[in-house]
């Protein structure tokens, strides 16, 4: 995983090279400019900047959020204020990165719990079905 600071992202601020930060993740949206439903101006206005607020305010749905993966280039290190990225956004970015790390660490244990639950519940369900069938006769 590549990590970019705000200075790295700021350099990508035009129609030939357009990067944005959304929720502490960096996206190269240059190829999206021509196809963006809101027009290229919506992206160029936030090119090289943190566009998290604008992204959320636009009301993007799950399809748009899934589409972001196609343009992902790395994580944003916003822990030092620079180029108009506010301290509030830095704190949000830090909290987001911590939450993401916790979720990634807990994923194997959650998956293990689900598998164990299915292994336990499946035979019980079968047994219950057999007993119900026998009692029905």
Protein backbone atom coordinates (compact mmCIF):
# COMPACT_ATOMS: atom_id res chain seq x y z
CA UNK A 1 0.00 0.00 0.00
CA UNK A 2 1.45 3.33 -1.08
CA UNK A 3 1.03 6.32 1.24
CA UNK A 4 0.87 9.88 -0.10
CA UNK A 5 1.07 13.09 1.85
CA UNK A 6 -0.99 16.13 0.90
CA UNK A 7 1.94 17.63 -1.05
CA UNK A 8 2.06 14.54 -3.28
CA UNK A 9 -1.65 14.79 -4.04
CA UNK A 10 -1.63 18.57 -4.55
CA UNK A 11 0.64 18.20 -7.60
CA UNK A 12 -2.08 16.22 -9.41
CA UNK A 13 -4.51 19.08 -9.96
CA UNK A 14 -5.39 19.38 -13.65
CA UNK A 15 -7.33 17.63 -16.41
CA UNK A 16 -4.29 15.62 -17.55
CA UNK A 17 -3.47 14.42 -14.03
CA UNK A 18 -6.34 14.59 -11.54
CA UNK A 19 -6.11 13.03 -8.06
CA UNK A 20 -8.46 13.46 -5.12
CA UNK A 21 -8.57 12.31 -1.51
CA UNK A 22 -11.81 10.76 -0.30
CA UNK A 23 -12.00 9.45 3.26
CA UNK A 24 -8.20 9.27 3.64
CA UNK A 25 -7.77 7.29 0.41
CA UNK A 26 -6.15 8.65 -2.76
CA UNK A 27 -7.76 8.18 -6.16
CA UNK A 28 -6.48 8.99 -9.65
CA UNK A 29 -9.73 10.07 -11.31
CA UNK A 30 -8.16 11.39 -14.53
CA UNK A 31 -9.87 8.69 -16.64
CA UNK A 32 -13.20 9.43 -14.94
CA UNK A 33 -13.27 13.11 -15.95
CA UNK A 34 -15.07 12.53 -19.27
CA UNK A 35 -17.56 10.05 -17.82
CA UNK A 36 -18.38 11.63 -14.46
CA UNK A 37 -22.17 12.16 -14.23
CA UNK A 38 -21.64 15.53 -12.54
CA UNK A 39 -19.25 16.66 -15.27
CA UNK A 40 -15.51 17.13 -15.20
CA UNK A 41 -15.81 20.48 -13.40
CA UNK A 42 -17.04 18.72 -10.25
CA UNK A 43 -13.79 16.75 -10.11
CA UNK A 44 -11.48 19.52 -11.31
CA UNK A 45 -12.80 21.84 -8.56
CA UNK A 46 -11.38 19.43 -5.97
CA UNK A 47 -8.38 18.16 -7.95
CA UNK A 48 -5.33 17.73 -5.74
CA UNK A 49 -7.41 18.22 -2.59
CA UNK A 50 -9.41 16.36 0.03
CA UNK A 51 -12.84 15.92 -1.57
CA UNK A 52 -14.41 13.89 1.25
CA UNK A 53 -17.03 16.48 2.16
CA UNK A 54 -17.98 17.15 -1.46
CA UNK A 55 -18.23 13.41 -2.15
CA UNK A 56 -20.54 12.84 0.82
CA UNK A 57 -22.63 15.95 0.15
CA UNK A 58 -23.22 14.86 -3.45
CA UNK A 59 -25.09 11.84 -2.12
CA UNK A 60 -23.10 9.20 -3.95
CA UNK A 61 -24.64 5.75 -3.65
CA UNK A 62 -23.09 2.34 -3.24
CA UNK A 63 -22.36 2.03 -6.97
CA UNK A 64 -20.18 5.15 -6.89
CA UNK A 65 -18.40 3.94 -3.77
CA UNK A 66 -17.65 0.57 -5.38
CA UNK A 67 -16.47 2.33 -8.52
CA UNK A 68 -13.83 4.17 -6.49
CA UNK A 69 -11.82 0.96 -6.12
CA UNK A 70 -11.01 1.14 -9.83
CA UNK A 71 -9.23 4.48 -9.31
CA UNK A 72 -7.52 3.75 -5.96
CA UNK A 73 -3.78 4.52 -5.86
CA UNK A 74 -3.03 4.56 -2.13
CA UNK A 75 -3.68 5.96 1.33
CA UNK A 76 -3.44 9.61 2.33
CA UNK A 77 -1.27 10.70 5.22
CA UNK A 78 -3.07 13.85 6.35
CA UNK A 79 -1.55 14.09 9.79
CA UNK A 80 0.28 17.32 9.04
CA UNK A 81 -1.82 20.28 7.83
CA UNK A 82 -0.85 21.46 4.38
CA UNK A 83 -2.34 23.21 1.37
CA UNK A 84 -5.76 23.95 2.81
CA UNK A 85 -6.41 20.54 4.32
CA UNK A 86 -7.91 21.38 7.68
CA UNK A 87 -6.92 20.00 11.04
CA UNK A 88 -10.49 18.70 11.39
CA UNK A 89 -10.05 16.67 8.21
CA UNK A 90 -6.70 15.43 9.52
CA UNK A 91 -8.41 14.14 12.66
CA UNK A 92 -11.15 12.53 10.55
CA UNK A 93 -8.54 10.90 8.34
CA UNK A 94 -6.62 9.61 11.35
CA UNK A 95 -9.79 8.20 12.90
CA UNK A 96 -10.75 6.60 9.57
CA UNK A 97 -7.34 4.93 9.23
CA UNK A 98 -7.52 3.61 12.81
CA UNK A 99 -11.02 2.26 12.25
CA UNK A 100 -9.98 0.62 8.97
CA UNK A 101 -6.98 -1.01 10.65
CA UNK A 102 -9.14 -2.36 13.48
CA UNK A 103 -11.65 -3.77 10.99
CA UNK A 104 -8.87 -5.44 8.99
CA UNK A 105 -7.38 -6.95 12.15
CA UNK A 106 -10.77 -8.28 13.31
CA UNK A 107 -11.85 -9.67 9.93
CA UNK A 108 -10.25 -13.13 10.36
CA UNK A 109 -11.80 -13.60 13.81
CA UNK A 110 -15.24 -12.52 12.52
CA UNK A 111 -14.99 -14.90 9.61
CA UNK A 112 -13.91 -17.71 11.94
CA UNK A 113 -16.88 -17.01 14.20
CA UNK A 114 -19.29 -17.16 11.24
CA UNK A 115 -17.83 -20.44 10.00
CA UNK A 116 -17.99 -22.00 13.47
CA UNK A 117 -21.59 -20.83 13.87
CA UNK A 118 -22.63 -22.36 10.55
CA UNK A 119 -20.88 -25.62 11.40
CA UNK A 120 -22.83 -25.77 14.66
CA UNK A 121 -26.21 -24.59 13.39
CA UNK A 122 -26.32 -26.68 10.21
CA UNK A 123 -26.38 -30.11 11.94
CA UNK A 124 -28.82 -28.82 14.56
CA UNK A 125 -31.13 -27.60 11.80
CA UNK A 126 -30.92 -30.95 10.00
CA UNK A 127 -31.61 -32.83 13.24
CA UNK A 128 -34.58 -30.58 13.98
CA UNK A 129 -35.94 -31.19 10.48
CA UNK A 130 -35.63 -34.96 10.86
CA UNK A 131 -37.36 -34.89 14.27
CA UNK A 132 -40.15 -32.70 12.94
CA UNK A 133 -40.63 -35.06 10.00
CA UNK A 134 -40.74 -38.12 12.30
CA UNK A 135 -43.23 -36.45 14.66
CA UNK A 136 -45.39 -35.38 11.73
CA UNK A 137 -45.84 -39.00 10.61
